[in-house]
């Protein structure tokens, strides 16, 4: 069942912590700036809070607009978020465009 439309996003952290270097999240409607602010202020997801507490910065690596929470969940369930990350793909030598 599709929910309200929003933006799924992929965060890329400056360096790994344990095995993680990415976070996939969702912001309702026009709420992306507020959601990023929440992550930076340690009020977002637990993993982003842990990165921020360690002083590890992040950037938005990719956006998927006009999608629902089911789309975000599908991305998360695939694991290996680096495959969706243009930053990591470039660093690993993958120059082809993600579709």
C-alpha atoms as a PDB file:
ATOM      1  CA  UNK A   1       0.000   0.000   0.000  1.00  0.00           C
ATOM      2  CA  UNK A   2       1.472   3.349  -1.059  1.00  0.00           C
ATOM      3  CA  UNK A   3       1.632   6.147   1.481  1.00  0.00           C
ATOM      4  CA  UNK A   4       2.184   9.855   1.154  1.00  0.00           C
ATOM      5  CA  UNK A   5       4.813  11.031  -1.296  1.00  0.00           C
ATOM      6  CA  UNK A   6       8.144  12.401  -0.166  1.00  0.00           C
ATOM      7  CA  UNK A   7      11.861  12.098  -0.764  1.00  0.00           C
ATOM      8  CA  UNK A   8      14.083   9.124  -0.056  1.00  0.00           C
ATOM      9  CA  UNK A   9      17.696  10.100   0.486  1.00  0.00           C
ATOM     10  CA  UNK A  10      21.080   8.469   0.802  1.00  0.00           C
ATOM     11  CA  UNK A  11      23.593   9.913   3.247  1.00  0.00           C
ATOM     12  CA  UNK A  12      27.287   9.243   2.686  1.00  0.00           C
ATOM     13  CA  UNK A  13      29.515   9.589   5.759  1.00  0.00           C
ATOM     14  CA  UNK A  14      33.112  10.854   5.502  1.00  0.00           C
ATOM     15  CA  UNK A  15      34.445   7.580   6.826  1.00  0.00           C
ATOM     16  CA  UNK A  16      33.191   4.216   8.012  1.00  0.00           C
ATOM     17  CA  UNK A  17      32.218   3.459  11.559  1.00  0.00           C
ATOM     18  CA  UNK A  18      32.324  -0.265  12.143  1.00  0.00           C
ATOM     19  CA  UNK A  19      30.948  -1.538   8.820  1.00  0.00           C
ATOM     20  CA  UNK A  20      28.573   1.344   8.035  1.00  0.00           C
ATOM     21  CA  UNK A  21      29.157   4.382   5.836  1.00  0.00           C
ATOM     22  CA  UNK A  22      25.640   5.126   4.555  1.00  0.00           C
ATOM     23  CA  UNK A  23      22.127   5.759   5.732  1.00  0.00           C
ATOM     24  CA  UNK A  24      18.949   5.629   3.662  1.00  0.00           C
ATOM     25  CA  UNK A  25      16.077   7.706   5.013  1.00  0.00           C
ATOM     26  CA  UNK A  26      12.791   9.350   4.080  1.00  0.00           C
ATOM     27  CA  UNK A  27      11.410  12.861   4.447  1.00  0.00           C
ATOM     28  CA  UNK A  28       7.727  13.676   3.983  1.00  0.00           C
ATOM     29  CA  UNK A  29       6.762  16.323   1.459  1.00  0.00           C
ATOM     30  CA  UNK A  30       8.908  19.435   1.772  1.00  0.00           C
ATOM     31  CA  UNK A  31      10.552  18.179   4.981  1.00  0.00           C
ATOM     32  CA  UNK A  32      14.030  17.317   3.684  1.00  0.00           C
ATOM     33  CA  UNK A  33      15.812  20.402   5.125  1.00  0.00           C
ATOM     34  CA  UNK A  34      14.210  19.798   8.532  1.00  0.00           C
ATOM     35  CA  UNK A  35      15.133  16.117   8.423  1.00  0.00           C
ATOM     36  CA  UNK A  36      18.788  16.939   7.645  1.00  0.00           C
ATOM     37  CA  UNK A  37      18.792  19.456  10.496  1.00  0.00           C
ATOM     38  CA  UNK A  38      17.452  16.766  12.836  1.00  0.00           C
ATOM     39  CA  UNK A  39      20.255  14.388  11.800  1.00  0.00           C
ATOM     40  CA  UNK A  40      22.906  17.076  12.370  1.00  0.00           C
ATOM     41  CA  UNK A  41      21.455  17.855  15.815  1.00  0.00           C
ATOM     42  CA  UNK A  42      21.449  14.153  16.828  1.00  0.00           C
ATOM     43  CA  UNK A  43      17.647  13.918  16.731  1.00  0.00           C
ATOM     44  CA  UNK A  44      17.464  11.701  13.646  1.00  0.00           C
ATOM     45  CA  UNK A  45      18.135   7.998  13.321  1.00  0.00           C
ATOM     46  CA  UNK A  46      20.302   6.265  15.924  1.00  0.00           C
ATOM     47  CA  UNK A  47      23.027   5.532  13.366  1.00  0.00           C
ATOM     48  CA  UNK A  48      23.279   9.167  12.252  1.00  0.00           C
ATOM     49  CA  UNK A  49      23.389  10.231  15.894  1.00  0.00           C
ATOM     50  CA  UNK A  50      26.319   7.866  16.482  1.00  0.00           C
ATOM     51  CA  UNK A  51      28.216   9.248  13.473  1.00  0.00           C
ATOM     52  CA  UNK A  52      27.636  12.858  14.535  1.00  0.00           C
ATOM     53  CA  UNK A  53      28.719  12.076  18.101  1.00  0.00           C
ATOM     54  CA  UNK A  54      31.998  10.704  16.686  1.00  0.00           C
ATOM     55  CA  UNK A  55      32.495  13.910  14.692  1.00  0.00           C
ATOM     56  CA  UNK A  56      32.003  12.138  11.357  1.00  0.00           C
ATOM     57  CA  UNK A  57      30.402  14.423   8.798  1.00  0.00           C
ATOM     58  CA  UNK A  58      27.951  13.443   6.078  1.00  0.00           C
ATOM     59  CA  UNK A  59      26.492  14.692   2.842  1.00  0.00           C
ATOM     60  CA  UNK A  60      23.450  13.861   0.783  1.00  0.00           C
ATOM     61  CA  UNK A  61      24.741  11.601  -1.970  1.00  0.00           C
ATOM     62  CA  UNK A  62      21.483  10.840  -3.758  1.00  0.00           C
ATOM     63  CA  UNK A  63      17.794  11.747  -3.741  1.00  0.00           C
ATOM     64  CA  UNK A  64      14.741   9.907  -5.003  1.00  0.00           C
ATOM     65  CA  UNK A  65      11.833  12.366  -5.226  1.00  0.00           C
ATOM     66  CA  UNK A  66       8.084  11.722  -5.300  1.00  0.00           C
ATOM     67  CA  UNK A  67       8.381   8.265  -3.740  1.00  0.00           C
ATOM     68  CA  UNK A  68       6.742   6.694  -0.704  1.00  0.00           C
ATOM     69  CA  UNK A  69       8.024   4.909   2.405  1.00  0.00           C
ATOM     70  CA  UNK A  70       7.668   1.552   0.657  1.00  0.00           C
ATOM     71  CA  UNK A  71      10.268   2.674  -1.891  1.00  0.00           C
ATOM     72  CA  UNK A  72      12.640   3.641   0.929  1.00  0.00           C
ATOM     73  CA  UNK A  73      12.063   0.293   2.672  1.00  0.00           C
ATOM     74  CA  UNK A  74      12.821  -1.535  -0.581  1.00  0.00           C
ATOM     75  CA  UNK A  75      16.144   0.311  -0.867  1.00  0.00           C
ATOM     76  CA  UNK A  76      17.053  -0.505   2.740  1.00  0.00           C
ATOM     77  CA  UNK A  77      16.123  -4.164   2.342  1.00  0.00           C
ATOM     78  CA  UNK A  78      18.558  -4.538  -0.553  1.00  0.00           C
ATOM     79  CA  UNK A  79      21.494  -3.815   1.812  1.00  0.00           C
ATOM     80  CA  UNK A  80      24.835  -2.585   0.427  1.00  0.00           C
ATOM     81  CA  UNK A  81      23.761   1.046   0.081  1.00  0.00           C
ATOM     82  CA  UNK A  82      27.130   1.890  -1.483  1.00  0.00           C
ATOM     83  CA  UNK A  83      25.738   0.457  -4.734  1.00  0.00           C
ATOM     84  CA  UNK A  84      23.358   3.436  -4.884  1.00  0.00           C
ATOM     85  CA  UNK A  85      26.040   5.946  -3.873  1.00  0.00           C
ATOM     86  CA  UNK A  86      27.633   7.935  -6.714  1.00  0.00           C
ATOM     87  CA  UNK A  87      30.504   8.918  -4.394  1.00  0.00           C
ATOM     88  CA  UNK A  88      31.446   5.311  -3.612  1.00  0.00           C
ATOM     89  CA  UNK A  89      30.877   4.142  -7.161  1.00  0.00           C
ATOM     90  CA  UNK A  90      33.293   6.785  -8.430  1.00  0.00           C
ATOM     91  CA  UNK A  91      35.878   5.898  -5.760  1.00  0.00           C
ATOM     92  CA  UNK A  92      35.587   2.225  -6.706  1.00  0.00           C
ATOM     93  CA  UNK A  93      36.009   3.012 -10.402  1.00  0.00           C
ATOM     94  CA  UNK A  94      32.383   2.599 -11.498  1.00  0.00           C
ATOM     95  CA  UNK A  95      31.760   5.466 -13.887  1.00  0.00           C
ATOM     96  CA  UNK A  96      28.504   4.312 -15.434  1.00  0.00           C
ATOM     97  CA  UNK A  97      25.407   6.286 -14.635  1.00  0.00           C
ATOM     98  CA  UNK A  98      22.927   4.957 -12.083  1.00  0.00           C
ATOM     99  CA  UNK A  99      19.407   4.804 -13.430  1.00  0.00           C
END
